[in-house]
Amino acid sequence: MNKTWASVFVAAFFEVFWVIGLKHAGSFWEWGGTVISIIVSFYLMIWAARSLPVGTVYAVFVGLGTAGTVIAEILLFDAEVNLPKLGLIVMLLLGVIGLKLLSKEKESEVSGG
């Protein structure tokens, strides 16, 4: 996996933190961590979209973030677990993997604006 795709995965990891933070943050430090997670998450996603197809980056980012958030809610906050929910998460992750496998990175990055 190259550095660009790694940034998408790290961005999705931070997405899980800020989504959970929006629901559960109650102190100054928790809100601070939530804001930092938002900034890191979007910075990495935007950076990756400069050399990968934007639609694919966004779909992978949201898909992994959604799956991660559901799993974190189950593990950390005792959210309800049922077979249809787990099946849909598996289908979502299969779609994310498929998009990643089908996407191609641009040969050269255009600098400037």
PDB file of N, CA and C in Angstrom:
ATOM      1  N   MET A   1       0.866  -1.179   0.000  1.00  0.00           N
ATOM      2  CA  MET A   1       0.000   0.000   0.000  1.00  0.00           C
ATOM      3  C   MET A   1       0.904   1.231   0.000  1.00  0.00           C
ATOM      4  N   ASN A   2       0.581   2.197  -0.846  1.00  0.00           N
ATOM      5  CA  ASN A   2       1.422   3.383  -0.918  1.00  0.00           C
ATOM      6  C   ASN A   2       0.992   4.449   0.095  1.00  0.00           C
ATOM      7  N   LYS A   3       1.774   5.512   0.134  1.00  0.00           N
ATOM      8  CA  LYS A   3       1.566   6.576   1.121  1.00  0.00           C
ATOM      9  C   LYS A   3       0.213   7.275   0.950  1.00  0.00           C
ATOM     10  N   THR A   4      -0.237   7.428  -0.274  1.00  0.00           N
ATOM     11  CA  THR A   4      -1.503   8.112  -0.517  1.00  0.00           C
ATOM     12  C   THR A   4      -2.672   7.313   0.041  1.00  0.00           C
ATOM     13  N   TRP A   5      -2.700   5.999  -0.239  1.00  0.00           N
ATOM     14  CA  TRP A   5      -3.771   5.170   0.303  1.00  0.00           C
ATOM     15  C   TRP A   5      -3.674   5.073   1.821  1.00  0.00           C
ATOM     16  N   ALA A   6      -2.457   5.043   2.341  1.00  0.00           N
ATOM     17  CA  ALA A   6      -2.297   5.007   3.801  1.00  0.00           C
ATOM     18  C   ALA A   6      -2.931   6.238   4.432  1.00  0.00           C
ATOM     19  N   SER A   7      -2.804   7.392   3.766  1.00  0.00           N
ATOM     20  CA  SER A   7      -3.405   8.611   4.320  1.00  0.00           C
ATOM     21  C   SER A   7      -4.931   8.520   4.337  1.00  0.00           C
ATOM     22  N   VAL A   8      -5.531   7.831   3.352  1.00  0.00           N
ATOM     23  CA  VAL A   8      -6.988   7.648   3.348  1.00  0.00           C
ATOM     24  C   VAL A   8      -7.401   6.780   4.548  1.00  0.00           C
ATOM     25  N   PHE A   9      -6.645   5.722   4.804  1.00  0.00           N
ATOM     26  CA  PHE A   9      -6.966   4.838   5.930  1.00  0.00           C
ATOM     27  C   PHE A   9      -6.782   5.551   7.272  1.00  0.00           C
ATOM     28  N   VAL A  10      -5.726   6.352   7.389  1.00  0.00           N
ATOM     29  CA  VAL A  10      -5.509   7.113   8.627  1.00  0.00           C
ATOM     30  C   VAL A  10      -6.605   8.170   8.780  1.00  0.00           C
ATOM     31  N   ALA A  11      -7.001   8.797   7.686  1.00  0.00           N
ATOM     32  CA  ALA A  11      -8.087   9.781   7.729  1.00  0.00           C
ATOM     33  C   ALA A  11      -9.376   9.132   8.215  1.00  0.00           C
ATOM     34  N   ALA A  12      -9.669   7.930   7.738  1.00  0.00           N
ATOM     35  CA  ALA A  12     -10.871   7.218   8.177  1.00  0.00           C
ATOM     36  C   ALA A  12     -10.771   6.839   9.653  1.00  0.00           C
ATOM     37  N   PHE A  13      -9.570   6.483  10.108  1.00  0.00           N
ATOM     38  CA  PHE A  13      -9.341   6.172  11.519  1.00  0.00           C
ATOM     39  C   PHE A  13      -9.680   7.382  12.388  1.00  0.00           C
ATOM     40  N   PHE A  14      -9.196   8.573  11.982  1.00  0.00           N
ATOM     41  CA  PHE A  14      -9.507   9.790  12.730  1.00  0.00           C
ATOM     42  C   PHE A  14     -10.977  10.172  12.608  1.00  0.00           C
ATOM     43  N   GLU A  15     -11.603   9.794  11.489  1.00  0.00           N
ATOM     44  CA  GLU A  15     -13.036  10.058  11.337  1.00  0.00           C
ATOM     45  C   GLU A  15     -13.835   9.355  12.433  1.00  0.00           C
ATOM     46  N   VAL A  16     -13.448   8.138  12.749  1.00  0.00           N
ATOM     47  CA  VAL A  16     -14.134   7.395  13.812  1.00  0.00           C
ATOM     48  C   VAL A  16     -14.079   8.191  15.115  1.00  0.00           C
ATOM     49  N   PHE A  17     -12.918   8.761  15.430  1.00  0.00           N
ATOM     50  CA  PHE A  17     -12.778   9.528  16.672  1.00  0.00           C
ATOM     51  C   PHE A  17     -13.664  10.770  16.688  1.00  0.00           C
ATOM     52  N   TRP A  18     -13.697  11.506  15.555  1.00  0.00           N
ATOM     53  CA  TRP A  18     -14.484  12.733  15.608  1.00  0.00           C
ATOM     54  C   TRP A  18     -15.981  12.458  15.581  1.00  0.00           C
ATOM     55  N   VAL A  19     -16.396  11.400  14.899  1.00  0.00           N
ATOM     56  CA  VAL A  19     -17.824  11.067  14.901  1.00  0.00           C
ATOM     57  C   VAL A  19     -18.259  10.657  16.307  1.00  0.00           C
ATOM     58  N   ILE A  20     -17.472   9.830  16.965  1.00  0.00           N
ATOM     59  CA  ILE A  20     -17.784   9.434  18.340  1.00  0.00           C
ATOM     60  C   ILE A  20     -17.716  10.651  19.252  1.00  0.00           C
ATOM     61  N   GLY A  21     -16.733  11.528  19.012  1.00  0.00           N
ATOM     62  CA  GLY A  21     -16.604  12.735  19.812  1.00  0.00           C
ATOM     63  C   GLY A  21     -17.813  13.644  19.701  1.00  0.00           C
ATOM     64  N   LEU A  22     -18.392  13.742  18.505  1.00  0.00           N
ATOM     65  CA  LEU A  22     -19.574  14.586  18.353  1.00  0.00           C
ATOM     66  C   LEU A  22     -20.731  14.098  19.221  1.00  0.00           C
ATOM     67  N   LYS A  23     -20.785  12.797  19.449  1.00  0.00           N
ATOM     68  CA  LYS A  23     -21.864  12.234  20.252  1.00  0.00           C
ATOM     69  C   LYS A  23     -21.542  12.216  21.746  1.00  0.00           C
ATOM     70  N   HIS A  24     -20.286  11.916  22.095  1.00  0.00           N
ATOM     71  CA  HIS A  24     -19.967  11.624  23.485  1.00  0.00           C
ATOM     72  C   HIS A  24     -19.099  12.673  24.188  1.00  0.00           C
ATOM     73  N   ALA A  25     -18.534  13.633  23.476  1.00  0.00           N
ATOM     74  CA  ALA A  25     -17.654  14.611  24.116  1.00  0.00           C
ATOM     75  C   ALA A  25     -18.433  15.471  25.103  1.00  0.00           C
ATOM     76  N   GLY A  26     -17.821  15.676  26.271  1.00  0.00           N
ATOM     77  CA  GLY A  26     -18.483  16.485  27.282  1.00  0.00           C
ATOM     78  C   GLY A  26     -17.562  17.486  27.959  1.00  0.00           C
ATOM     79  N   SER A  27     -16.261  17.305  27.812  1.00  0.00           N
ATOM     80  CA  SER A  27     -15.314  18.212  28.461  1.00  0.00           C
ATOM     81  C   SER A  27     -14.542  19.002  27.401  1.00  0.00           C
ATOM     82  N   PHE A  28     -13.823  19.999  27.869  1.00  0.00           N
ATOM     83  CA  PHE A  28     -13.009  20.816  26.981  1.00  0.00           C
ATOM     84  C   PHE A  28     -12.012  19.951  26.205  1.00  0.00           C
ATOM     85  N   TRP A  29     -11.346  19.036  26.895  1.00  0.00           N
ATOM     86  CA  TRP A  29     -10.322  18.196  26.266  1.00  0.00           C
ATOM     87  C   TRP A  29     -10.928  17.229  25.264  1.00  0.00           C
ATOM     88  N   GLU A  30     -12.099  16.697  25.573  1.00  0.00           N
ATOM     89  CA  GLU A  30     -12.768  15.798  24.623  1.00  0.00           C
ATOM     90  C   GLU A  30     -13.185  16.549  23.364  1.00  0.00           C
ATOM     91  N   TRP A  31     -13.705  17.760  23.537  1.00  0.00           N
ATOM     92  CA  TRP A  31     -14.072  18.568  22.370  1.00  0.00           C
ATOM     93  C   TRP A  31     -12.828  18.984  21.595  1.00  0.00           C
ATOM     94  N   GLY A  32     -11.736  19.277  22.315  1.00  0.00           N
ATOM     95  CA  GLY A  32     -10.479  19.615  21.647  1.00  0.00           C
ATOM     96  C   GLY A  32      -9.971  18.459  20.796  1.00  0.00           C
ATOM     97  N   GLY A  33     -10.035  17.245  21.346  1.00  0.00           N
ATOM     98  CA  GLY A  33      -9.634  16.063  20.589  1.00  0.00           C
ATOM     99  C   GLY A  33     -10.523  15.832  19.383  1.00  0.00           C
ATOM    100  N   THR A  34     -11.805  16.125  19.538  1.00  0.00           N
ATOM    101  CA  THR A  34     -12.750  15.977  18.431  1.00  0.00           C
ATOM    102  C   THR A  34     -12.397  16.943  17.302  1.00  0.00           C
ATOM    103  N   VAL A  35     -12.117  18.187  17.640  1.00  0.00           N
ATOM    104  CA  VAL A  35     -11.763  19.189  16.624  1.00  0.00           C
ATOM    105  C   VAL A  35     -10.451  18.824  15.938  1.00  0.00           C
ATOM    106  N   ILE A  36      -9.462  18.389  16.710  1.00  0.00           N
ATOM    107  CA  ILE A  36      -8.184  17.975  16.118  1.00  0.00           C
ATOM    108  C   ILE A  36      -8.397  16.795  15.182  1.00  0.00           C
ATOM    109  N   SER A  37      -9.236  15.855  15.578  1.00  0.00           N
ATOM    110  CA  SER A  37      -9.523  14.692  14.731  1.00  0.00           C
ATOM    111  C   SER A  37     -10.186  15.110  13.426  1.00  0.00           C
ATOM    112  N   ILE A  38     -11.090  16.080  13.478  1.00  0.00           N
ATOM    113  CA  ILE A  38     -11.734  16.593  12.263  1.00  0.00           C
ATOM    114  C   ILE A  38     -10.685  17.190  11.328  1.00  0.00           C
ATOM    115  N   ILE A  39      -9.801  18.008  11.876  1.00  0.00           N
ATOM    116  CA  ILE A  39      -8.786  18.680  11.059  1.00  0.00           C
ATOM    117  C   ILE A  39      -7.851  17.659  10.416  1.00  0.00           C
ATOM    118  N   VAL A  40      -7.340  16.715  11.209  1.00  0.00           N
ATOM    119  CA  VAL A  40      -6.423  15.699  10.682  1.00  0.00           C
ATOM    120  C   VAL A  40      -7.127  14.853   9.620  1.00  0.00           C
ATOM    121  N   SER A  41      -8.346  14.428   9.916  1.00  0.00           N
ATOM    122  CA  SER A  41      -9.105  13.566   9.017  1.00  0.00           C
ATOM    123  C   SER A  41      -9.319  14.226   7.658  1.00  0.00           C
ATOM    124  N   PHE A  42      -9.810  15.447   7.668  1.00  0.00           N
ATOM    125  CA  PHE A  42     -10.096  16.119   6.399  1.00  0.00           C
ATOM    126  C   PHE A  42      -8.824  16.534   5.666  1.00  0.00           C
ATOM    127  N   TYR A  43      -7.793  16.915   6.399  1.00  0.00           N
ATOM    128  CA  TYR A  43      -6.530  17.258   5.741  1.00  0.00           C
ATOM    129  C   TYR A  43      -5.987  16.060   4.965  1.00  0.00           C
ATOM    130  N   LEU A  44      -5.949  14.902   5.614  1.00  0.00           N
ATOM    131  CA  LEU A  44      -5.425  13.703   4.954  1.00  0.00           C
ATOM    132  C   LEU A  44      -6.296  13.271   3.777  1.00  0.00           C
ATOM    133  N   MET A  45      -7.612  13.377   3.930  1.00  0.00           N
ATOM    134  CA  MET A  45      -8.505  13.000   2.835  1.00  0.00           C
ATOM    135  C   MET A  45      -8.303  13.935   1.638  1.00  0.00           C
ATOM    136  N   ILE A  46      -8.225  15.223   1.883  1.00  0.00           N
ATOM    137  CA  ILE A  46      -8.030  16.194   0.804  1.00  0.00           C
ATOM    138  C   ILE A  46      -6.672  15.982   0.135  1.00  0.00           C
ATOM    139  N   TRP A  47      -5.652  15.704   0.936  1.00  0.00           N
ATOM    140  CA  TRP A  47      -4.323  15.448   0.388  1.00  0.00           C
ATOM    141  C   TRP A  47      -4.353  14.240  -0.544  1.00  0.00           C
ATOM    142  N   ALA A  48      -5.014  13.173  -0.131  1.00  0.00           N
ATOM    143  CA  ALA A  48      -5.088  11.959  -0.951  1.00  0.00           C
ATOM    144  C   ALA A  48      -5.866  12.205  -2.240  1.00  0.00           C
ATOM    145  N   ALA A  49      -6.879  13.063  -2.185  1.00  0.00           N
ATOM    146  CA  ALA A  49      -7.716  13.327  -3.357  1.00  0.00           C
ATOM    147  C   ALA A  49      -6.964  14.090  -4.440  1.00  0.00           C
ATOM    148  N   ARG A  50      -5.794  14.609  -4.123  1.00  0.00           N
ATOM    149  CA  ARG A  50      -4.993  15.284  -5.147  1.00  0.00           C
ATOM    150  C   ARG A  50      -4.396  14.312  -6.151  1.00  0.00           C
ATOM    151  N   SER A  51      -4.224  13.049  -5.729  1.00  0.00           N
ATOM    152  CA  SER A  51      -3.616  12.098  -6.664  1.00  0.00           C
ATOM    153  C   SER A  51      -4.447  10.829  -6.872  1.00  0.00           C
ATOM    154  N   LEU A  52      -5.578  10.714  -6.208  1.00  0.00           N
ATOM    155  CA  LEU A  52      -6.501   9.599  -6.409  1.00  0.00           C
ATOM    156  C   LEU A  52      -7.849  10.157  -6.840  1.00  0.00           C
ATOM    157  N   PRO A  53      -8.687   9.357  -7.489  1.00  0.00           N
ATOM    158  CA  PRO A  53     -10.008   9.845  -7.879  1.00  0.00           C
ATOM    159  C   PRO A  53     -10.810  10.292  -6.655  1.00  0.00           C
ATOM    160  N   VAL A  54     -11.341  11.489  -6.705  1.00  0.00           N
ATOM    161  CA  VAL A  54     -12.034  12.081  -5.563  1.00  0.00           C
ATOM    162  C   VAL A  54     -13.200  11.216  -5.094  1.00  0.00           C
ATOM    163  N   GLY A  55     -14.000  10.721  -6.024  1.00  0.00           N
ATOM    164  CA  GLY A  55     -15.150   9.896  -5.654  1.00  0.00           C
ATOM    165  C   GLY A  55     -14.740   8.631  -4.929  1.00  0.00           C
ATOM    166  N   THR A  56     -13.655   8.023  -5.380  1.00  0.00           N
ATOM    167  CA  THR A  56     -13.169   6.809  -4.731  1.00  0.00           C
ATOM    168  C   THR A  56     -12.621   7.116  -3.346  1.00  0.00           C
ATOM    169  N   VAL A  57     -11.842   8.180  -3.227  1.00  0.00           N
ATOM    170  CA  VAL A  57     -11.302   8.576  -1.923  1.00  0.00           C
ATOM    171  C   VAL A  57     -12.437   8.817  -0.946  1.00  0.00           C
ATOM    172  N   TYR A  58     -13.444   9.564  -1.384  1.00  0.00           N
ATOM    173  CA  TYR A  58     -14.553   9.883  -0.488  1.00  0.00           C
ATOM    174  C   TYR A  58     -15.328   8.625  -0.088  1.00  0.00           C
ATOM    175  N   ALA A  59     -15.582   7.748  -1.061  1.00  0.00           N
ATOM    176  CA  ALA A  59     -16.329   6.525  -0.761  1.00  0.00           C
ATOM    177  C   ALA A  59     -15.561   5.625   0.205  1.00  0.00           C
ATOM    178  N   VAL A  60     -14.262   5.482   0.004  1.00  0.00           N
ATOM    179  CA  VAL A  60     -13.450   4.660   0.901  1.00  0.00           C
ATOM    180  C   VAL A  60     -13.396   5.304   2.287  1.00  0.00           C
ATOM    181  N   PHE A  61     -13.183   6.611   2.331  1.00  0.00           N
ATOM    182  CA  PHE A  61     -13.127   7.356   3.596  1.00  0.00           C
ATOM    183  C   PHE A  61     -14.414   7.180   4.395  1.00  0.00           C
ATOM    184  N   VAL A  62     -15.539   7.404   3.751  1.00  0.00           N
ATOM    185  CA  VAL A  62     -16.830   7.303   4.448  1.00  0.00           C
ATOM    186  C   VAL A  62     -17.152   5.853   4.798  1.00  0.00           C
ATOM    187  N   GLY A  63     -16.861   4.935   3.889  1.00  0.00           N
ATOM    188  CA  GLY A  63     -17.143   3.522   4.159  1.00  0.00           C
ATOM    189  C   GLY A  63     -16.357   2.992   5.341  1.00  0.00           C
ATOM    190  N   LEU A  64     -15.057   3.264   5.351  1.00  0.00           N
ATOM    191  CA  LEU A  64     -14.240   2.807   6.470  1.00  0.00           C
ATOM    192  C   LEU A  64     -14.621   3.520   7.762  1.00  0.00           C
ATOM    193  N   GLY A  65     -14.912   4.812   7.655  1.00  0.00           N
ATOM    194  CA  GLY A  65     -15.325   5.556   8.845  1.00  0.00           C
ATOM    195  C   GLY A  65     -16.632   5.038   9.415  1.00  0.00           C
ATOM    196  N   THR A  66     -17.572   4.719   8.536  1.00  0.00           N
ATOM    197  CA  THR A  66     -18.859   4.176   8.982  1.00  0.00           C
ATOM    198  C   THR A  66     -18.681   2.828   9.655  1.00  0.00           C
ATOM    199  N   ALA A  67     -17.941   1.939   9.002  1.00  0.00           N
ATOM    200  CA  ALA A  67     -17.701   0.617   9.582  1.00  0.00           C
ATOM    201  C   ALA A  67     -16.957   0.740  10.905  1.00  0.00           C
ATOM    202  N   GLY A  68     -15.946   1.587  10.936  1.00  0.00           N
ATOM    203  CA  GLY A  68     -15.181   1.783  12.171  1.00  0.00           C
ATOM    204  C   GLY A  68     -16.016   2.348  13.298  1.00  0.00           C
ATOM    205  N   THR A  69     -16.894   3.278  12.962  1.00  0.00           N
ATOM    206  CA  THR A  69     -17.755   3.875  13.980  1.00  0.00           C
ATOM    207  C   THR A  69     -18.735   2.855  14.542  1.00  0.00           C
ATOM    208  N   VAL A  70     -19.333   2.058  13.684  1.00  0.00           N
ATOM    209  CA  VAL A  70     -20.266   1.018  14.144  1.00  0.00           C
ATOM    210  C   VAL A  70     -19.536   0.020  15.040  1.00  0.00           C
ATOM    211  N   ILE A  71     -18.357  -0.408  14.610  1.00  0.00           N
ATOM    212  CA  ILE A  71     -17.584  -1.365  15.406  1.00  0.00           C
ATOM    213  C   ILE A  71     -17.164  -0.754  16.744  1.00  0.00           C
ATOM    214  N   ALA A  72     -16.721   0.497  16.730  1.00  0.00           N
ATOM    215  CA  ALA A  72     -16.340   1.167  17.972  1.00  0.00           C
ATOM    216  C   ALA A  72     -17.533   1.315  18.913  1.00  0.00           C
ATOM    217  N   GLU A  73     -18.689   1.663  18.365  1.00  0.00           N
ATOM    218  CA  GLU A  73     -19.894   1.781  19.207  1.00  0.00           C
ATOM    219  C   GLU A  73     -20.245   0.430  19.838  1.00  0.00           C
ATOM    220  N   ILE A  74     -20.060  -0.653  19.097  1.00  0.00           N
ATOM    221  CA  ILE A  74     -20.333  -1.983  19.637  1.00  0.00           C
ATOM    222  C   ILE A  74     -19.340  -2.322  20.742  1.00  0.00           C
ATOM    223  N   LEU A  75     -18.049  -2.076  20.484  1.00  0.00           N
ATOM    224  CA  LEU A  75     -17.008  -2.463  21.432  1.00  0.00           C
ATOM    225  C   LEU A  75     -16.920  -1.549  22.650  1.00  0.00           C
ATOM    226  N   LEU A  76     -17.104  -0.254  22.438  1.00  0.00           N
ATOM    227  CA  LEU A  76     -16.886   0.707  23.522  1.00  0.00           C
ATOM    228  C   LEU A  76     -18.149   1.146  24.248  1.00  0.00           C
ATOM    229  N   PHE A  77     -19.288   1.122  23.559  1.00  0.00           N
ATOM    230  CA  PHE A  77     -20.500   1.688  24.144  1.00  0.00           C
ATOM    231  C   PHE A  77     -21.664   0.709  24.159  1.00  0.00           C
ATOM    232  N   ASP A  78     -21.378  -0.571  23.995  1.00  0.00           N
ATOM    233  CA  ASP A  78     -22.392  -1.631  24.077  1.00  0.00           C
ATOM    234  C   ASP A  78     -23.586  -1.419  23.152  1.00  0.00           C
ATOM    235  N   ALA A  79     -23.314  -0.967  21.936  1.00  0.00           N
ATOM    236  CA  ALA A  79     -24.393  -0.832  20.953  1.00  0.00           C
ATOM    237  C   ALA A  79     -24.911  -2.223  20.595  1.00  0.00           C
ATOM    238  N   GLU A  80     -26.141  -2.265  20.134  1.00  0.00           N
ATOM    239  CA  GLU A  80     -26.768  -3.534  19.775  1.00  0.00           C
ATOM    240  C   GLU A  80     -26.032  -4.208  18.619  1.00  0.00           C
ATOM    241  N   VAL A  81     -25.825  -5.507  18.751  1.00  0.00           N
ATOM    242  CA  VAL A  81     -25.182  -6.305  17.708  1.00  0.00           C
ATOM    243  C   VAL A  81     -26.216  -7.283  17.164  1.00  0.00           C
ATOM    244  N   ASN A  82     -26.369  -7.311  15.846  1.00  0.00           N
ATOM    245  CA  ASN A  82     -27.238  -8.314  15.242  1.00  0.00           C
ATOM    246  C   ASN A  82     -26.666  -8.717  13.890  1.00  0.00           C
ATOM    247  N   LEU A  83     -27.078  -9.871  13.424  1.00  0.00           N
ATOM    248  CA  LEU A  83     -26.525 -10.437  12.201  1.00  0.00           C
ATOM    249  C   LEU A  83     -26.732  -9.545  10.974  1.00  0.00           C
ATOM    250  N   PRO A  84     -27.918  -8.971  10.760  1.00  0.00           N
ATOM    251  CA  PRO A  84     -28.073  -8.086   9.583  1.00  0.00           C
ATOM    252  C   PRO A  84     -27.109  -6.892   9.620  1.00  0.00           C
ATOM    253  N   LYS A  85     -26.910  -6.302  10.784  1.00  0.00           N
ATOM    254  CA  LYS A  85     -25.988  -5.170  10.898  1.00  0.00           C
ATOM    255  C   LYS A  85     -24.573  -5.597  10.528  1.00  0.00           C
ATOM    256  N   LEU A  86     -24.122  -6.725  11.054  1.00  0.00           N
ATOM    257  CA  LEU A  86     -22.782  -7.215  10.741  1.00  0.00           C
ATOM    258  C   LEU A  86     -22.656  -7.573   9.263  1.00  0.00           C
ATOM    259  N   GLY A  87     -23.704  -8.165   8.689  1.00  0.00           N
ATOM    260  CA  GLY A  87     -23.685  -8.492   7.265  1.00  0.00           C
ATOM    261  C   GLY A  87     -23.562  -7.254   6.394  1.00  0.00           C
ATOM    262  N   LEU A  88     -24.273  -6.209   6.759  1.00  0.00           N
ATOM    263  CA  LEU A  88     -24.201  -4.969   5.985  1.00  0.00           C
ATOM    264  C   LEU A  88     -22.832  -4.302   6.111  1.00  0.00           C
ATOM    265  N   ILE A  89     -22.218  -4.375   7.285  1.00  0.00           N
ATOM    266  CA  ILE A  89     -20.868  -3.837   7.457  1.00  0.00           C
ATOM    267  C   ILE A  89     -19.884  -4.607   6.578  1.00  0.00           C
ATOM    268  N   VAL A  90     -20.014  -5.929   6.523  1.00  0.00           N
ATOM    269  CA  VAL A  90     -19.145  -6.743   5.661  1.00  0.00           C
ATOM    270  C   VAL A  90     -19.351  -6.348   4.201  1.00  0.00           C
ATOM    271  N   MET A  91     -20.592  -6.168   3.768  1.00  0.00           N
ATOM    272  CA  MET A  91     -20.862  -5.752   2.380  1.00  0.00           C
ATOM    273  C   MET A  91     -20.246  -4.382   2.100  1.00  0.00           C
ATOM    274  N   LEU A  92     -20.359  -3.467   3.057  1.00  0.00           N
ATOM    275  CA  LEU A  92     -19.780  -2.140   2.903  1.00  0.00           C
ATOM    276  C   LEU A  92     -18.265  -2.233   2.747  1.00  0.00           C
ATOM    277  N   LEU A  93     -17.629  -3.032   3.584  1.00  0.00           N
ATOM    278  CA  LEU A  93     -16.177  -3.181   3.501  1.00  0.00           C
ATOM    279  C   LEU A  93     -15.745  -3.856   2.200  1.00  0.00           C
ATOM    280  N   LEU A  94     -16.530  -4.812   1.712  1.00  0.00           N
ATOM    281  CA  LEU A  94     -16.215  -5.429   0.416  1.00  0.00           C
ATOM    282  C   LEU A  94     -16.288  -4.397  -0.714  1.00  0.00           C
ATOM    283  N   GLY A  95     -17.271  -3.509  -0.651  1.00  0.00           N
ATOM    284  CA  GLY A  95     -17.365  -2.439  -1.639  1.00  0.00           C
ATOM    285  C   GLY A  95     -16.182  -1.494  -1.577  1.00  0.00           C
ATOM    286  N   VAL A  96     -15.748  -1.160  -0.366  1.00  0.00           N
ATOM    287  CA  VAL A  96     -14.588  -0.287  -0.184  1.00  0.00           C
ATOM    288  C   VAL A  96     -13.338  -0.947  -0.756  1.00  0.00           C
ATOM    289  N   ILE A  97     -13.145  -2.218  -0.459  1.00  0.00           N
ATOM    290  CA  ILE A  97     -11.990  -2.945  -0.983  1.00  0.00           C
ATOM    291  C   ILE A  97     -12.038  -2.981  -2.515  1.00  0.00           C
ATOM    292  N   GLY A  98     -13.206  -3.230  -3.064  1.00  0.00           N
ATOM    293  CA  GLY A  98     -13.356  -3.248  -4.518  1.00  0.00           C
ATOM    294  C   GLY A  98     -13.009  -1.910  -5.151  1.00  0.00           C
ATOM    295  N   LEU A  99     -13.477  -0.812  -4.557  1.00  0.00           N
ATOM    296  CA  LEU A  99     -13.154   0.515  -5.091  1.00  0.00           C
ATOM    297  C   LEU A  99     -11.656   0.785  -5.040  1.00  0.00           C
ATOM    298  N   LYS A 100     -11.038   0.390  -3.948  1.00  0.00           N
ATOM    299  CA  LYS A 100      -9.597   0.607  -3.823  1.00  0.00           C
ATOM    300  C   LYS A 100      -8.845  -0.188  -4.882  1.00  0.00           C
ATOM    301  N   LEU A 101      -9.249  -1.437  -5.092  1.00  0.00           N
ATOM    302  CA  LEU A 101      -8.556  -2.278  -6.079  1.00  0.00           C
ATOM    303  C   LEU A 101      -8.733  -1.770  -7.502  1.00  0.00           C
ATOM    304  N   LEU A 102      -9.850  -1.133  -7.794  1.00  0.00           N
ATOM    305  CA  LEU A 102     -10.125  -0.664  -9.155  1.00  0.00           C
ATOM    306  C   LEU A 102      -9.574   0.725  -9.455  1.00  0.00           C
ATOM    307  N   SER A 103      -9.180   1.466  -8.428  1.00  0.00           N
ATOM    308  CA  SER A 103      -8.723   2.840  -8.663  1.00  0.00           C
ATOM    309  C   SER A 103      -7.243   2.858  -9.020  1.00  0.00           C
ATOM    310  N   LYS A 104      -6.892   3.850  -9.783  1.00  0.00           N
ATOM    311  CA  LYS A 104      -5.504   4.025 -10.185  1.00  0.00           C
ATOM    312  C   LYS A 104      -5.054   5.414  -9.769  1.00  0.00           C
ATOM    313  N   GLU A 105      -3.821   5.478  -9.271  1.00  0.00           N
ATOM    314  CA  GLU A 105      -3.243   6.760  -8.878  1.00  0.00           C
ATOM    315  C   GLU A 105      -2.783   7.492 -10.136  1.00  0.00           C
ATOM    316  N   LYS A 106      -2.909   8.824 -10.150  1.00  0.00           N
ATOM    317  CA  LYS A 106      -2.445   9.611 -11.277  1.00  0.00           C
ATOM    318  C   LYS A 106      -0.939   9.437 -11.431  1.00  0.00           C
ATOM    319  N   GLU A 107      -0.475   9.427 -12.676  1.00  0.00           N
ATOM    320  CA  GLU A 107       0.957   9.222 -12.939  1.00  0.00           C
ATOM    321  C   GLU A 107       1.808  10.358 -12.388  1.00  0.00           C
ATOM    322  N   SER A 108       1.363  11.587 -12.592  1.00  0.00           N
ATOM    323  CA  SER A 108       2.117  12.730 -12.086  1.00  0.00           C
ATOM    324  C   SER A 108       1.152  13.726 -11.482  1.00  0.00           C
ATOM    325  N   GLU A 109       1.583  14.276 -10.371  1.00  0.00           N
ATOM    326  CA  GLU A 109       0.749  15.228  -9.674  1.00  0.00           C
ATOM    327  C   GLU A 109       1.040  16.626 -10.204  1.00  0.00           C
ATOM    328  N   VAL A 110      -0.006  17.366 -10.528  1.00  0.00           N
ATOM    329  CA  VAL A 110       0.138  18.730 -11.011  1.00  0.00           C
ATOM    330  C   VAL A 110       0.255  19.635  -9.809  1.00  0.00           C
ATOM    331  N   SER A 111       1.321  20.421  -9.754  1.00  0.00           N
ATOM    332  CA  SER A 111       1.490  21.320  -8.614  1.00  0.00           C
ATOM    333  C   SER A 111       0.940  22.692  -8.967  1.00  0.00           C
ATOM    334  N   GLY A 112       0.615  23.408  -7.912  1.00  0.00           N
ATOM    335  CA  GLY A 112       0.058  24.736  -8.107  1.00  0.00           C
ATOM    336  C   GLY A 112      -1.436  24.722  -8.099  1.00  0.00           C
ATOM    337  N   GLY A 113      -2.070  25.867  -8.339  1.00  0.00           N
ATOM    338  CA  GLY A 113      -3.521  25.918  -8.235  1.00  0.00           C
ATOM    339  C   GLY A 113      -4.198  26.346  -9.409  1.00  0.00           C
TER     340      GLY A 113
END
